[in-house]
Amino acid sequence: MDETITFAATGDSFITRRLPKNDPHSCQIAEVMEQADVRFTNLEVTTHNFEAYPSAVSGGSWAVASPTVLSDLKSYGFNMVSWATNHTLDFSFGGLEATEKNLNHYNFVHAGAGHNLAEASKPTYMETVHGRVAIISATSTFP
C-alpha cells in the first residue's frame, strides 16, 4: 500500500478580486492542484467586507479582499492556508477575526494567526487518505 502524501504549493496569494473560472489556464491549475493530497498557499490578504477598521500602520498596503476570493481558491483546489503575514493585522483585530471566520466558513485548514500567541503559534492538522499533515505558520516581517 502506497502511503505517500503528495503536496502542491504556491507562494503568496495576494488576491484582491475574483479569480477567473472555466478558462483554460484556471482549469489547468485546478487539475494540477487536485492531484495532490495537500494543496497549500500563503494568504497574503485579509478577507472581509470592510466590517473592520484599517490599522494605523499596514504591512505596506492595507491588503483586503472580499471573502468570495476564498471560494475561488477552493475552486482552484486549495485546502490549506498559512496567514501569518505582514498583512494579517492591516485591518486590526476586526480584520483578523473576520478572516478567521471566513477561512473556517470555507473549510480551510489554516494556521499562523489567532486571538493570542498560543492560538497563533499552534499547529493545525489535515487528515488525508495517506496520513496526517500538520501546518505551523510564522512571519518575520511584522510591524
Protein backbone atom coordinates (compact mmCIF):
# COMPACT_ATOMS: atom_id res chain seq x y z
CA MET A 1 0.00 0.00 0.00
CA ASP A 2 1.38 3.40 -1.02
CA GLU A 3 1.44 5.80 1.95
CA THR A 4 3.00 8.74 0.11
CA ILE A 5 1.41 12.11 0.87
CA THR A 6 1.57 14.45 -2.11
CA PHE A 7 1.89 18.24 -1.85
CA ALA A 8 1.22 21.10 -4.24
CA ALA A 9 2.22 24.54 -3.02
CA THR A 10 2.25 28.10 -4.25
CA GLY A 11 3.77 31.25 -2.86
CA ASP A 12 1.82 34.31 -1.78
CA SER A 13 -1.82 34.60 -2.82
CA PHE A 14 -2.16 38.39 -2.87
CA ILE A 15 -5.55 38.20 -4.50
CA THR A 16 -7.87 41.19 -4.14
CA ARG A 17 -10.56 40.36 -6.70
CA ARG A 18 -12.41 37.34 -8.07
CA LEU A 19 -10.38 34.76 -9.98
CA PRO A 20 -11.37 33.63 -13.49
CA LYS A 21 -13.30 30.39 -13.80
CA ASN A 22 -13.65 27.96 -16.68
CA ASP A 23 -10.88 29.45 -18.78
CA PRO A 24 -8.19 27.03 -19.95
CA HIS A 25 -5.47 28.33 -17.61
CA SER A 26 -7.54 28.19 -14.43
CA CYS A 27 -8.76 24.71 -15.33
CA GLN A 28 -5.15 23.56 -15.80
CA ILE A 29 -4.18 24.98 -12.41
CA ALA A 30 -7.11 23.23 -10.75
CA GLU A 31 -6.22 19.94 -12.45
CA VAL A 32 -2.65 20.09 -11.14
CA MET A 33 -3.74 21.07 -7.64
CA GLU A 34 -6.39 18.35 -7.40
CA GLN A 35 -3.74 15.66 -7.95
CA ALA A 36 -2.20 16.41 -4.55
CA ASP A 37 -3.46 15.48 -1.10
CA VAL A 38 -2.33 18.78 0.40
CA ARG A 39 -2.83 21.93 -1.68
CA PHE A 40 -1.22 24.88 0.05
CA THR A 41 -0.99 28.64 -0.41
CA ASN A 42 0.04 31.62 1.71
CA LEU A 43 -2.91 34.01 2.09
CA GLU A 44 -1.39 37.46 1.87
CA VAL A 45 -4.63 39.44 2.36
CA THR A 46 -7.34 39.83 4.96
CA THR A 47 -10.80 38.70 3.86
CA HIS A 48 -13.82 40.67 4.95
CA ASN A 49 -16.49 43.10 3.78
CA PHE A 50 -14.93 46.16 5.45
CA GLU A 51 -16.62 45.44 8.76
CA ALA A 52 -13.21 46.15 10.32
CA TYR A 53 -11.27 49.40 10.60
CA PRO A 54 -7.86 49.87 8.99
CA SER A 55 -4.90 49.82 11.36
CA ALA A 56 -2.76 52.92 11.82
CA VAL A 57 0.09 51.04 10.13
CA SER A 58 -0.03 48.35 7.49
CA GLY A 59 2.21 45.71 6.01
CA GLY A 60 2.95 48.07 3.11
CA SER A 61 -0.63 48.48 1.93
CA TRP A 62 -3.96 47.68 3.53
CA ALA A 63 -4.49 44.31 1.88
CA VAL A 64 -8.13 43.24 1.80
CA ALA A 65 -10.32 41.08 -0.40
CA SER A 66 -13.92 40.01 -0.41
CA PRO A 67 -14.42 36.64 1.31
CA THR A 68 -15.56 35.33 -2.07
CA VAL A 69 -11.91 35.05 -3.13
CA LEU A 70 -11.71 32.15 -0.67
CA SER A 71 -14.42 30.42 -2.68
CA ASP A 72 -12.28 30.96 -5.76
CA LEU A 73 -9.22 29.50 -4.02
CA LYS A 74 -11.37 26.46 -3.13
CA SER A 75 -12.44 26.09 -6.76
CA TYR A 76 -8.77 26.05 -7.74
CA GLY A 77 -8.34 23.18 -5.29
CA PHE A 78 -6.57 24.78 -2.33
CA ASN A 79 -7.31 23.23 1.07
CA MET A 80 -4.53 24.53 3.37
CA VAL A 81 -3.59 28.15 4.08
CA SER A 82 -0.97 29.94 6.11
CA TRP A 83 -1.80 33.50 7.10
CA ALA A 84 0.96 34.74 9.36
CA THR A 85 1.99 37.64 7.15
CA ASN A 86 2.87 41.31 7.36
CA HIS A 87 -0.76 42.00 6.33
CA THR A 88 -2.54 39.91 8.99
CA LEU A 89 -3.36 42.98 11.11
CA ASP A 90 -3.86 45.51 8.30
CA PHE A 91 -7.45 45.83 9.50
CA SER A 92 -6.64 45.38 13.17
CA PHE A 93 -8.26 42.68 15.27
CA GLY A 94 -11.61 43.01 13.49
CA GLY A 95 -9.96 42.07 10.21
CA LEU A 96 -8.14 39.19 11.89
CA GLU A 97 -11.38 37.83 13.38
CA ALA A 98 -13.29 38.23 10.10
CA THR A 99 -10.53 36.47 8.14
CA GLU A 100 -10.52 33.59 10.60
CA LYS A 101 -14.32 33.32 10.41
CA ASN A 102 -14.17 33.26 6.61
CA LEU A 103 -11.38 30.69 6.46
CA ASN A 104 -13.44 28.46 8.74
CA HIS A 105 -16.57 29.06 6.65
CA TYR A 106 -14.78 27.79 3.54
CA ASN A 107 -13.28 24.85 5.48
CA PHE A 108 -9.62 25.69 5.02
CA VAL A 109 -7.06 24.13 7.30
CA HIS A 110 -5.16 27.24 8.40
CA ALA A 111 -2.51 28.41 10.83
CA GLY A 112 -0.47 31.44 11.78
CA ALA A 113 -2.87 33.84 13.49
CA GLY A 114 -5.28 33.85 16.40
CA HIS A 115 -6.66 35.75 19.35
CA ASN A 116 -3.42 35.31 21.28
CA LEU A 117 0.11 33.99 20.83
CA ALA A 118 -0.87 30.45 21.85
CA GLU A 119 -3.55 30.28 19.14
CA ALA A 120 -1.33 31.91 16.54
CA SER A 121 1.58 29.54 17.12
CA LYS A 122 -0.28 26.24 17.44
CA PRO A 123 -0.22 23.70 14.63
CA THR A 124 -3.36 22.65 12.82
CA TYR A 125 -3.82 19.29 11.17
CA MET A 126 -5.24 17.86 7.97
CA GLU A 127 -6.22 14.24 7.64
CA THR A 128 -5.58 12.79 4.20
CA VAL A 129 -6.20 9.29 2.91
CA HIS A 130 -2.44 8.74 3.22
CA GLY A 131 -1.84 10.25 6.65
CA ARG A 132 -1.93 13.36 8.80
CA VAL A 133 -0.22 16.63 7.90
CA ALA A 134 0.48 19.50 10.31
CA ILE A 135 0.97 23.16 9.48
CA ILE A 136 2.55 25.90 11.55
CA SER A 137 2.98 29.38 10.17
CA ALA A 138 5.20 32.28 11.19
CA THR A 139 6.32 35.61 9.79
CA SER A 140 9.43 37.65 10.36
CA THR A 141 8.07 40.93 8.93
CA PHE A 142 5.54 42.32 11.33
CA PRO A 143 5.16 45.96 12.49
